[in-house]
């Protein structure tokens, strides 16, 4: 740390739990934020202000006007440009703290890319909105012995739980299988921005404790809260399951499965499709221009042919809005992208 760092982080250094040694450890840390929506954008902003040295931000989506109510790093201009969330977040973090190295990744986290994307990180923050992604993170984290912090929020309710492989239960100890019934989403139940910030704050607090050398002091608890009713509850996490397929039997099926070609997005009336390799957006723009409205930036191309809207990324991935049927989404992708 130099003199400027000591001034910038002085109030954090004065806190006994961190001190100068903890701040130096934080400045040398590398954290991965998976999902840069409501939770993840808060994670990234808080980590940048706290001085986490390197932050990898992984997100598959782009900024929309409906995000601005609760997604903390984005502005109206980001939605107007349809910027990928990871790119918009990286730009904002550079303005918050120019000393932070930010690695924006515009991609879906899958079994095929999880190793290169998450391997550099010493801690993972969960900002995702679906259980398959969390099980993928859990498989990776347990196999590589990397701590991660689970979190979720919808309506006025949220919960969080730290997972420290080898010491606490993993996600599958607590949730052996994904829910078999439809779950409420932000689209169906709405969400208050204050529950998002509350849960994300608890996640980042746990991350700071781990990154500054106090992982052994972190209690394996499940914290739930409802900011509308004012209830907050903490219960000890259950004991590690001696027959857990992940942390006991060392089975990692989510690392072995290839990513799905088409998958409905949580609460979005949209489907993500990825059926081919890289796409030249410039030539695609010229080809689609006579067929409907086209908007493009260096990161994605949006094609509107009512009632559908396709946002195509350079890696060939697309988000098809206007349907929740993967078959319809694949058909539209084949028709317009090839």
Protein backbone atom coordinates (compact mmCIF):
# COMPACT_ATOMS: atom_id res chain seq x y z
CA UNK A 1 0.00 0.00 0.00
CA UNK A 2 1.15 3.52 -0.72
CA UNK A 3 0.14 6.71 1.07
CA UNK A 4 -2.83 7.29 -1.22
CA UNK A 5 -4.16 3.79 -0.50
CA UNK A 6 -3.86 4.37 3.23
CA UNK A 7 -5.95 7.52 2.91
CA UNK A 8 -8.52 5.96 0.60
CA UNK A 9 -9.08 2.90 2.77
CA UNK A 10 -8.36 4.54 6.11
CA UNK A 11 -11.82 3.91 7.60
CA UNK A 12 -11.63 0.29 6.62
CA UNK A 13 -8.09 -0.10 7.97
CA UNK A 14 -9.22 1.39 11.28
CA UNK A 15 -11.75 -1.41 11.65
CA UNK A 16 -10.10 -3.99 13.91
CA UNK A 17 -11.29 -6.95 11.87
CA UNK A 18 -9.40 -5.78 8.80
CA UNK A 19 -6.47 -3.54 9.70
CA UNK A 20 -3.58 -2.86 7.37
CA UNK A 21 -2.71 -6.51 6.84
CA UNK A 22 -6.28 -7.34 5.92
CA UNK A 23 -6.46 -4.42 3.51
CA UNK A 24 -3.28 -5.56 1.79
CA UNK A 25 -4.72 -9.07 1.48
CA UNK A 26 -7.90 -7.61 -0.01
CA UNK A 27 -5.95 -5.54 -2.52
CA UNK A 28 -4.18 -8.71 -3.66
CA UNK A 29 -7.40 -10.73 -3.91
CA UNK A 30 -9.21 -11.96 -7.00
CA UNK A 31 -12.98 -12.42 -6.74
CA UNK A 32 -15.40 -13.78 -9.32
CA UNK A 33 -18.93 -12.37 -9.44
CA UNK A 34 -21.22 -14.73 -11.34
CA UNK A 35 -24.28 -12.87 -12.54
CA UNK A 36 -24.24 -9.07 -12.60
CA UNK A 37 -27.90 -8.34 -12.01
CA UNK A 38 -29.46 -7.15 -8.77
CA UNK A 39 -27.16 -9.02 -6.39
CA UNK A 40 -24.06 -9.14 -8.57
CA UNK A 41 -23.99 -5.46 -9.47
CA UNK A 42 -24.03 -4.63 -5.76
CA UNK A 43 -21.28 -7.22 -5.12
CA UNK A 44 -19.05 -5.70 -7.78
CA UNK A 45 -19.60 -2.11 -6.63
CA UNK A 46 -19.01 -2.91 -2.94
CA UNK A 47 -15.87 -4.93 -3.68
CA UNK A 48 -14.47 -2.17 -5.88
CA UNK A 49 -15.05 0.46 -3.20
CA UNK A 50 -13.50 -1.83 -0.57
CA UNK A 51 -10.38 -2.27 -2.70
CA UNK A 52 -10.58 -5.87 -3.93
CA UNK A 53 -7.70 -5.92 -6.40
CA UNK A 54 -9.16 -7.99 -9.23
CA UNK A 55 -12.78 -8.71 -10.06
CA UNK A 56 -14.02 -11.03 -12.79
CA UNK A 57 -17.63 -10.27 -13.73
CA UNK A 58 -19.51 -12.95 -15.67
CA UNK A 59 -22.95 -12.22 -17.08
CA UNK A 60 -24.85 -13.34 -20.16
CA UNK A 61 -27.42 -10.53 -20.31
CA UNK A 62 -27.73 -6.87 -21.29
CA UNK A 63 -29.09 -3.83 -19.45
CA UNK A 64 -32.82 -3.09 -19.82
CA UNK A 65 -34.93 -0.26 -18.35
CA UNK A 66 -36.62 -2.63 -15.89
CA UNK A 67 -33.20 -3.40 -14.36
CA UNK A 68 -32.60 0.16 -13.19
CA UNK A 69 -34.88 -0.09 -10.15
CA UNK A 70 -32.58 -2.55 -8.39
CA UNK A 71 -29.32 -3.11 -10.30
CA UNK A 72 -26.88 -0.80 -8.67
CA UNK A 73 -24.18 -0.10 -11.24
CA UNK A 74 -26.32 0.79 -14.23
CA UNK A 75 -27.72 4.03 -15.64
CA UNK A 76 -30.34 4.97 -18.21
CA UNK A 77 -27.67 5.36 -20.87
CA UNK A 78 -26.62 1.72 -20.39
CA UNK A 79 -30.19 0.57 -21.04
CA UNK A 80 -30.53 2.88 -24.03
CA UNK A 81 -27.39 1.34 -25.55
CA UNK A 82 -28.40 -2.22 -24.53
CA UNK A 83 -24.92 -2.68 -23.11
CA UNK A 84 -23.97 -6.10 -21.79
CA UNK A 85 -24.16 -5.95 -18.01
CA UNK A 86 -20.57 -7.10 -17.54
CA UNK A 87 -19.30 -4.34 -19.84
CA UNK A 88 -21.44 -1.62 -18.25
CA UNK A 89 -20.37 -2.75 -14.78
CA UNK A 90 -16.69 -2.71 -15.72
CA UNK A 91 -17.01 0.83 -17.07
CA UNK A 92 -18.68 2.04 -13.89
CA UNK A 93 -16.13 0.34 -11.65
CA UNK A 94 -13.32 2.03 -13.55
CA UNK A 95 -14.91 5.34 -12.62
CA UNK A 96 -15.35 4.28 -8.98
CA UNK A 97 -11.83 2.94 -8.45
CA UNK A 98 -9.31 3.12 -11.27
CA UNK A 99 -6.87 0.89 -9.35
CA UNK A 100 -9.14 -2.15 -9.62
CA UNK A 101 -8.53 -4.65 -12.41
CA UNK A 102 -11.88 -5.69 -13.85
CA UNK A 103 -12.34 -8.57 -16.27
CA UNK A 104 -15.81 -8.39 -17.87
CA UNK A 105 -16.98 -11.63 -19.47
CA UNK A 106 -20.11 -11.52 -21.62
CA UNK A 107 -21.05 -15.19 -21.51
CA UNK A 108 -23.19 -17.80 -19.90
CA UNK A 109 -21.29 -19.79 -17.26
CA UNK A 110 -21.30 -23.39 -18.48
CA UNK A 111 -19.46 -26.63 -17.93
CA UNK A 112 -17.30 -25.82 -20.95
CA UNK A 113 -16.00 -22.48 -19.66
CA UNK A 114 -16.27 -22.71 -15.88
CA UNK A 115 -12.66 -23.82 -15.38
CA UNK A 116 -10.91 -20.97 -17.24
CA UNK A 117 -13.34 -18.34 -15.95
CA UNK A 118 -13.37 -19.27 -12.27
CA UNK A 119 -9.94 -20.85 -11.74
CA UNK A 120 -8.12 -17.53 -11.15
CA UNK A 121 -10.53 -16.52 -8.38
CA UNK A 122 -9.98 -17.25 -4.71
CA UNK A 123 -13.64 -16.61 -3.87
CA UNK A 124 -16.92 -16.69 -5.81
CA UNK A 125 -20.02 -14.57 -5.18
CA UNK A 126 -23.35 -15.92 -6.41
CA UNK A 127 -25.43 -13.34 -8.24
CA UNK A 128 -27.26 -15.88 -10.40
CA UNK A 129 -31.00 -16.44 -10.65
CA UNK A 130 -31.28 -20.20 -11.19
CA UNK A 131 -30.35 -23.44 -9.48
CA UNK A 132 -28.47 -25.11 -12.39
CA UNK A 133 -25.95 -22.25 -12.37
CA UNK A 134 -25.58 -22.52 -8.59
CA UNK A 135 -25.06 -26.28 -8.75
CA UNK A 136 -22.39 -25.68 -11.40
CA UNK A 137 -20.65 -23.17 -9.12
CA UNK A 138 -20.99 -25.59 -6.22
CA UNK A 139 -19.44 -28.47 -8.18
CA UNK A 140 -16.52 -26.30 -9.26
CA UNK A 141 -16.00 -24.76 -5.83
CA UNK A 142 -16.06 -28.08 -3.96
CA UNK A 143 -13.74 -29.78 -6.44
CA UNK A 144 -11.27 -26.89 -6.36
CA UNK A 145 -11.76 -26.05 -2.64
CA UNK A 146 -12.78 -22.45 -3.39
CA UNK A 147 -15.20 -20.71 -1.00
CA UNK A 148 -18.38 -19.24 -2.41
CA UNK A 149 -21.33 -17.31 -1.02
CA UNK A 150 -24.83 -18.37 -2.06
CA UNK A 151 -27.55 -15.72 -2.19
CA UNK A 152 -31.07 -15.24 -3.52
CA UNK A 153 -33.79 -12.59 -3.30
CA UNK A 154 -37.32 -12.13 -4.65
CA UNK A 155 -40.26 -10.05 -3.48
CA UNK A 156 -39.26 -8.78 -0.05
CA UNK A 157 -37.54 -12.04 0.99
CA UNK A 158 -33.97 -13.24 0.63
CA UNK A 159 -31.42 -15.65 2.03
CA UNK A 160 -27.71 -16.27 1.99
CA UNK A 161 -25.29 -18.97 3.10
CA UNK A 162 -21.50 -19.27 2.91
CA UNK A 163 -20.01 -22.47 1.49
CA UNK A 164 -16.46 -23.19 2.59
CA UNK A 165 -15.48 -26.58 1.14
CA UNK A 166 -14.21 -29.01 3.75
CA UNK A 167 -15.70 -27.05 6.65
CA UNK A 168 -19.32 -26.17 5.94
CA UNK A 169 -22.11 -28.04 4.14
CA UNK A 170 -22.18 -27.45 0.40
CA UNK A 171 -25.25 -26.41 -1.54
CA UNK A 172 -26.29 -30.00 -2.26
CA UNK A 173 -26.06 -30.91 1.41
CA UNK A 174 -28.84 -28.37 1.96
CA UNK A 175 -30.66 -28.65 -1.38
CA UNK A 176 -29.95 -32.13 -2.77
CA UNK A 177 -32.08 -31.47 -5.86
CA UNK A 178 -33.48 -28.40 -7.61
CA UNK A 179 -37.02 -27.41 -6.64
CA UNK A 180 -39.54 -29.52 -8.55
CA UNK A 181 -42.23 -26.83 -8.55
CA UNK A 182 -42.16 -23.41 -10.22
CA UNK A 183 -40.56 -20.81 -7.99
CA UNK A 184 -41.52 -17.13 -7.70
CA UNK A 185 -39.37 -14.82 -9.80
CA UNK A 186 -38.85 -11.08 -10.03
CA UNK A 187 -41.09 -11.15 -13.09
CA UNK A 188 -43.97 -12.88 -11.31
CA UNK A 189 -43.61 -11.66 -7.71
CA UNK A 190 -41.66 -8.43 -8.14
CA UNK A 191 -38.71 -7.48 -5.96
CA UNK A 192 -37.80 -4.65 -3.61
CA UNK A 193 -34.38 -3.14 -4.19
CA UNK A 194 -33.74 -3.04 -0.45
CA UNK A 195 -33.92 -6.83 -0.04
CA UNK A 196 -31.41 -7.11 -2.85
CA UNK A 197 -28.98 -4.69 -1.22
CA UNK A 198 -29.46 -6.32 2.21
CA UNK A 199 -28.69 -9.85 0.99
CA UNK A 200 -25.84 -8.68 -1.23
CA UNK A 201 -24.35 -6.77 1.71
CA UNK A 202 -24.34 -9.90 3.84
CA UNK A 203 -22.70 -11.83 1.00
CA UNK A 204 -19.98 -9.22 0.61
CA UNK A 205 -19.45 -9.04 4.37
CA UNK A 206 -18.80 -12.80 4.41
CA UNK A 207 -16.48 -12.40 1.43
CA UNK A 208 -14.49 -9.64 3.17
CA UNK A 209 -14.13 -11.82 6.24
CA UNK A 210 -12.74 -14.68 4.16
CA UNK A 211 -10.48 -12.53 2.00
CA UNK A 212 -8.91 -10.72 4.97
CA UNK A 213 -7.93 -13.95 6.71
CA UNK A 214 -10.88 -14.65 9.02
CA UNK A 215 -12.54 -17.58 7.24
CA UNK A 216 -12.20 -19.73 10.38
CA UNK A 217 -14.36 -17.23 12.28
CA UNK A 218 -17.19 -17.32 9.76
CA UNK A 219 -20.18 -19.16 11.21
CA UNK A 220 -21.85 -21.64 8.83
CA UNK A 221 -25.32 -20.11 9.10
CA UNK A 222 -28.30 -19.68 6.83
CA UNK A 223 -29.61 -16.13 7.10
CA UNK A 224 -33.11 -15.29 5.91
CA UNK A 225 -34.88 -11.97 6.02
CA UNK A 226 -38.06 -10.28 4.91
CA UNK A 227 -37.63 -6.51 4.77
CA UNK A 228 -41.39 -5.93 4.44
CA UNK A 229 -42.34 -7.81 7.61
CA UNK A 230 -39.08 -6.85 9.29
CA UNK A 231 -38.18 -10.42 10.19
CA UNK A 232 -34.57 -11.61 10.27
CA UNK A 233 -33.64 -15.17 11.15
CA UNK A 234 -30.35 -16.98 11.41
CA UNK A 235 -30.09 -20.73 11.90
CA UNK A 236 -27.01 -22.95 11.96
CA UNK A 237 -26.45 -24.64 8.64
CA UNK A 238 -27.14 -28.38 8.84
CA UNK A 239 -24.24 -30.74 9.32
CA UNK A 240 -22.44 -31.84 6.19
CA UNK A 241 -24.29 -34.75 4.62
CA UNK A 242 -22.05 -37.83 4.89
CA UNK A 243 -23.67 -39.12 1.70
CA UNK A 244 -23.71 -35.82 -0.21
CA UNK A 245 -23.06 -36.59 -3.87
CA UNK A 246 -20.84 -33.52 -4.18
CA UNK A 247 -18.75 -33.01 -1.06
CA UNK A 248 -18.84 -36.59 0.26
CA UNK A 249 -18.93 -38.81 -2.83
CA UNK A 250 -17.02 -36.31 -4.98
CA UNK A 251 -19.41 -36.57 -7.91
CA UNK A 252 -19.55 -33.46 -10.11
CA UNK A 253 -22.22 -34.01 -12.77
CA UNK A 254 -22.72 -30.30 -13.46
CA UNK A 255 -19.08 -30.05 -14.53
CA UNK A 256 -19.57 -32.92 -16.94
CA UNK A 257 -22.76 -31.79 -18.64
CA UNK A 258 -22.45 -29.68 -21.75
CA UNK A 259 -24.45 -26.47 -21.68
CA UNK A 260 -27.99 -26.62 -22.93
CA UNK A 261 -28.55 -25.37 -26.47
CA UNK A 262 -31.72 -23.55 -25.47
CA UNK A 263 -32.87 -22.63 -21.99
CA UNK A 264 -35.73 -20.46 -20.77
CA UNK A 265 -34.54 -17.47 -18.75
CA UNK A 266 -35.97 -17.05 -15.29
CA UNK A 267 -39.16 -14.98 -15.37
CA UNK A 268 -38.27 -13.28 -18.64
CA UNK A 269 -40.52 -14.74 -21.39
CA UNK A 270 -37.21 -15.27 -23.12
CA UNK A 271 -34.99 -18.16 -24.14
CA UNK A 272 -31.22 -18.28 -24.45
CA UNK A 273 -30.01 -20.12 -27.55
CA UNK A 274 -26.48 -21.12 -28.49
CA UNK A 275 -26.38 -23.37 -31.53
CA UNK A 276 -23.32 -22.23 -33.50
CA UNK A 277 -19.93 -20.63 -33.12
CA UNK A 278 -18.80 -17.05 -33.53
CA UNK A 279 -20.97 -14.64 -35.51
CA UNK A 280 -19.80 -11.64 -37.55
CA UNK A 281 -22.20 -9.01 -36.27
CA UNK A 282 -21.39 -6.55 -39.06
CA UNK A 283 -22.40 -8.93 -41.85
CA UNK A 284 -25.39 -10.12 -39.82
CA UNK A 285 -26.54 -6.52 -39.42
CA UNK A 286 -26.43 -6.00 -43.18
CA UNK A 287 -28.37 -9.22 -43.75
CA UNK A 288 -31.09 -8.48 -41.20
CA UNK A 289 -31.58 -4.76 -41.92
CA UNK A 290 -34.17 -5.33 -44.71
CA UNK A 291 -36.16 -7.71 -42.49
CA UNK A 292 -36.82 -5.61 -39.38
CA UNK A 293 -35.43 -3.09 -36.95
CA UNK A 294 -31.73 -3.58 -36.17
CA UNK A 295 -29.68 -1.89 -33.44
CA UNK A 296 -26.03 -2.75 -32.96
CA UNK A 297 -23.07 -1.86 -30.78
CA UNK A 298 -19.64 -3.50 -30.53
CA UNK A 299 -20.97 -6.01 -28.00
CA UNK A 300 -24.28 -7.23 -29.41
CA UNK A 301 -26.86 -6.86 -32.16
CA UNK A 302 -30.57 -6.50 -31.46
CA UNK A 303 -33.06 -7.50 -34.16
CA UNK A 304 -36.76 -6.77 -33.71
CA UNK A 305 -39.40 -8.53 -35.76
CA UNK A 306 -42.61 -8.24 -33.76
CA UNK A 307 -43.60 -9.98 -31.59
CA UNK A 308 -40.04 -11.29 -31.20
CA UNK A 309 -36.73 -9.66 -30.33
CA UNK A 310 -33.35 -11.35 -30.77
CA UNK A 311 -30.20 -10.08 -29.11
CA UNK A 312 -27.19 -11.82 -30.69
CA UNK A 313 -23.70 -11.81 -29.17
CA UNK A 314 -20.39 -12.29 -31.02
CA UNK A 315 -19.93 -15.81 -29.60
CA UNK A 316 -23.11 -16.91 -31.40
CA UNK A 317 -25.30 -16.87 -28.30
CA UNK A 318 -28.69 -15.20 -28.55
CA UNK A 319 -31.46 -14.18 -26.17
CA UNK A 320 -34.84 -14.52 -27.86
CA UNK A 321 -37.58 -12.45 -26.23
CA UNK A 322 -41.28 -13.01 -26.81
CA UNK A 323 -41.38 -16.74 -26.16
CA UNK A 324 -40.60 -19.21 -23.40
CA UNK A 325 -40.66 -22.17 -25.81
CA UNK A 326 -37.12 -23.40 -26.66
CA UNK A 327 -38.41 -24.91 -29.90
CA UNK A 328 -39.76 -21.56 -31.11
CA UNK A 329 -36.55 -19.84 -30.05
CA UNK A 330 -34.38 -22.33 -31.96
CA UNK A 331 -36.57 -21.92 -35.03
CA UNK A 332 -36.21 -18.12 -34.93
CA UNK A 333 -32.47 -18.45 -34.41
CA UNK A 334 -32.16 -20.76 -37.40
CA UNK A 335 -34.31 -18.44 -39.55
CA UNK A 336 -32.42 -15.23 -38.79
CA UNK A 337 -28.93 -16.25 -37.66
CA UNK A 338 -28.44 -19.55 -39.47
